[in-house]
Amino acid sequence: MKINHLTAAEENFMKLFWKLESFYLKDIMEQHPEPKPHQNTVSTYLKILVEKGYITTQKEGRIFKYTVVVPSEEYRKFLLKELSHNFFNDSGKEILEFLFNEKLISQNDLKNYFDPKIEIVPSKIEEPKFEYAEEILNPKKVKKVKAKDKDSKDNKDKDKKKKKKKD
């Protein structure tokens, strides 16, 4: 069964028809919320929906009985697949990310569908380490060694070298 797109007005009528499942024109007029459309308008939409294959007719005397052919679940699947294909590259993951980002769905909403041990946590981005930048911006201060201390250190180094040569 090929499903076609519905206009907003056709969808509104179909929502009522899905609730009724099987109905007569008078049932629609009674059940439709205010402001009620004219009977001719309803008849026109019924004819269009029959042509699109959403409902069928069966003549009972002088009146028609209408029956829904396309269940609401089938139409919902059709719309979701169209949406996925046209806006989310056929990716359920992209749809889910969009729903999370727009706060239309939460982790709690999904807990019944997944292992409760799994928790979706936003990834934490570590601060970059700027070791070289730190060295350049904050160089370590080198202590200046006094001349006397330097000379005595040099003499000690020389003494150590002499001892190693003797051994």
Protein backbone atom coordinates (compact mmCIF):
# COMPACT_ATOMS: atom_id res chain seq x y z
CA MET A 1 0.00 0.00 0.00
CA LYS A 2 1.47 3.33 -1.07
CA ILE A 3 0.95 6.13 1.39
CA ASN A 4 0.69 9.71 0.12
CA HIS A 5 1.26 12.95 1.95
CA LEU A 6 -1.69 14.65 3.59
CA THR A 7 -2.32 18.36 3.94
CA ALA A 8 -2.72 19.80 7.44
CA ALA A 9 -6.53 19.91 7.05
CA GLU A 10 -6.60 16.29 5.79
CA GLU A 11 -4.47 15.23 8.77
CA ASN A 12 -6.88 16.94 11.16
CA PHE A 13 -9.81 15.06 9.65
CA MET A 14 -7.85 11.80 9.70
CA LYS A 15 -7.13 12.22 13.42
CA LEU A 16 -10.87 12.23 14.00
CA PHE A 17 -11.42 9.35 11.55
CA TRP A 18 -8.75 7.22 13.26
CA LYS A 19 -10.63 7.62 16.55
CA LEU A 20 -13.95 6.63 14.92
CA GLU A 21 -12.51 3.89 12.63
CA SER A 22 -15.87 3.35 10.89
CA PHE A 23 -18.40 6.18 10.59
CA TYR A 24 -21.08 8.06 8.69
CA LEU A 25 -21.07 11.72 7.66
CA LYS A 26 -23.46 12.57 10.53
CA ASP A 27 -20.96 11.01 13.02
CA ILE A 28 -18.25 13.36 11.77
CA MET A 29 -20.51 16.37 12.09
CA GLU A 30 -21.37 15.39 15.66
CA GLN A 31 -17.81 14.55 16.74
CA HIS A 32 -15.94 17.44 15.06
CA PRO A 33 -14.95 20.13 17.58
CA GLU A 34 -16.15 23.72 17.25
CA PRO A 35 -16.07 25.55 14.91
CA LYS A 36 -17.69 22.79 12.91
CA PRO A 37 -17.00 22.81 9.17
CA HIS A 38 -19.84 22.90 6.66
CA GLN A 39 -21.17 19.50 5.59
CA ASN A 40 -20.09 20.14 1.98
CA THR A 41 -16.51 20.78 3.16
CA VAL A 42 -16.47 17.51 5.08
CA SER A 43 -17.88 15.66 2.04
CA THR A 44 -15.13 17.13 -0.15
CA TYR A 45 -12.41 15.98 2.24
CA LEU A 46 -14.00 12.53 2.48
CA LYS A 47 -13.91 12.26 -1.34
CA ILE A 48 -10.23 13.35 -1.42
CA LEU A 49 -9.25 10.87 1.30
CA VAL A 50 -11.05 8.06 -0.54
CA GLU A 51 -9.10 8.97 -3.71
CA LYS A 52 -5.82 8.98 -1.76
CA GLY A 53 -6.65 5.54 -0.36
CA TYR A 54 -6.91 6.48 3.32
CA ILE A 55 -10.59 5.54 3.69
CA THR A 56 -13.09 3.39 1.79
CA THR A 57 -16.81 3.76 1.24
CA GLN A 58 -19.64 1.30 1.40
CA LYS A 59 -23.11 2.34 0.28
CA GLU A 60 -25.88 1.54 2.76
CA GLY A 61 -29.17 2.57 1.21
CA ARG A 62 -28.93 6.27 0.41
CA ILE A 63 -25.91 6.99 2.64
CA PHE A 64 -22.26 6.00 2.69
CA LYS A 65 -20.42 4.31 5.50
CA TYR A 66 -16.71 5.21 5.65
CA THR A 67 -13.97 2.98 7.03
CA VAL A 68 -10.33 3.84 7.72
CA VAL A 69 -7.90 1.79 5.60
CA VAL A 70 -4.52 3.28 6.60
CA PRO A 71 -3.91 2.93 10.35
CA SER A 72 -2.46 5.90 12.20
CA GLU A 73 0.69 3.89 13.05
CA GLU A 74 1.40 3.32 9.34
CA TYR A 75 1.04 7.03 8.63
CA ARG A 76 3.32 7.90 11.56
CA LYS A 77 5.97 5.47 10.26
CA PHE A 78 5.67 7.01 6.81
CA LEU A 79 6.12 10.54 8.18
CA LEU A 80 9.08 9.58 10.38
CA LYS A 81 10.85 7.82 7.51
CA GLU A 82 10.28 10.85 5.27
CA LEU A 83 11.60 13.16 7.98
CA SER A 84 14.62 10.93 8.57
CA HIS A 85 15.39 10.71 4.87
CA ASN A 86 14.90 14.41 4.07
CA PHE A 87 16.48 16.02 7.13
CA PHE A 88 18.64 13.49 9.00
CA ASN A 89 20.45 11.48 6.27
CA ASP A 90 18.43 8.35 7.17
CA SER A 91 20.19 8.34 10.56
CA GLY A 92 18.31 7.49 13.73
CA LYS A 93 21.37 8.67 15.65
CA GLU A 94 21.06 12.17 14.17
CA ILE A 95 17.36 12.26 15.06
CA LEU A 96 18.14 11.21 18.64
CA GLU A 97 20.91 13.81 18.96
CA PHE A 98 18.53 16.48 17.68
CA LEU A 99 15.86 15.44 20.18
CA PHE A 100 18.40 15.58 23.05
CA ASN A 101 19.80 18.94 21.94
CA GLU A 102 16.31 20.44 21.68
CA LYS A 103 15.44 18.93 25.08
CA LEU A 104 12.48 17.08 23.54
CA ILE A 105 13.68 13.84 25.11
CA SER A 106 15.72 13.06 28.24
CA GLN A 107 17.79 10.18 29.59
CA ASN A 108 14.90 9.21 31.85
CA ASP A 109 12.63 8.89 28.81
CA LEU A 110 14.98 6.29 27.34
CA LYS A 111 15.76 4.25 30.47
CA ASN A 112 13.05 1.68 29.71
CA TYR A 113 14.56 0.99 26.28
CA PHE A 114 18.19 0.46 27.24
CA ASP A 115 20.26 -1.29 29.85
CA PRO A 116 19.84 0.82 33.01
CA LYS A 117 23.59 0.52 33.70
CA ILE A 118 24.36 2.62 30.64
CA GLU A 119 24.40 6.30 31.34
CA ILE A 120 24.69 8.93 28.64
CA VAL A 121 27.16 11.50 29.90
CA PRO A 122 28.37 14.43 27.84
CA SER A 123 32.06 14.06 27.13
CA LYS A 124 34.39 16.30 29.07
CA ILE A 125 36.97 18.18 27.11
CA GLU A 126 40.32 18.39 28.83
CA GLU A 127 42.01 21.71 28.91
CA PRO A 128 44.99 21.74 26.58
CA LYS A 129 48.40 21.85 28.23
CA PHE A 130 50.59 24.66 27.06
CA GLU A 131 53.95 23.52 28.40
CA TYR A 132 56.06 25.42 25.90
CA ALA A 133 53.91 28.49 26.15
CA GLU A 134 54.25 28.40 29.93
CA GLU A 135 58.05 28.22 29.64
CA ILE A 136 58.07 31.19 27.30
CA LEU A 137 55.57 33.26 29.23
CA ASN A 138 56.81 32.34 32.70
CA PRO A 139 60.53 31.49 32.42
CA LYS A 140 62.20 30.07 35.50
CA LYS A 141 64.44 32.62 37.11
CA VAL A 142 68.01 31.39 37.14
CA LYS A 143 69.88 32.42 40.25
CA LYS A 144 73.14 34.13 39.59
CA VAL A 145 75.95 32.38 41.36
CA LYS A 146 78.44 34.64 43.09
CA ALA A 147 81.93 34.62 41.69
CA LYS A 148 83.47 33.18 44.89
CA ASP A 149 80.94 30.30 44.98
CA LYS A 150 81.52 29.64 41.29
CA ASP A 151 85.27 29.46 41.72
CA SER A 152 85.04 27.09 44.67
CA LYS A 153 82.59 24.86 42.72
CA ASP A 154 84.97 24.79 39.73
CA ASN A 155 87.87 23.81 42.02
CA LYS A 156 85.86 20.94 43.52
CA ASP A 157 85.01 19.65 40.04
CA LYS A 158 88.69 19.75 39.07
CA ASP A 159 89.66 17.84 42.23
CA LYS A 160 87.14 15.12 41.41
CA LYS A 161 88.53 14.74 37.90
CA LYS A 162 92.11 14.44 39.20
CA LYS A 163 91.09 11.68 41.65
CA LYS A 164 89.42 9.70 38.88
CA LYS A 165 92.55 9.89 36.73
CA LYS A 166 94.73 8.54 39.55
CA ASP A 167 92.45 5.57 40.12
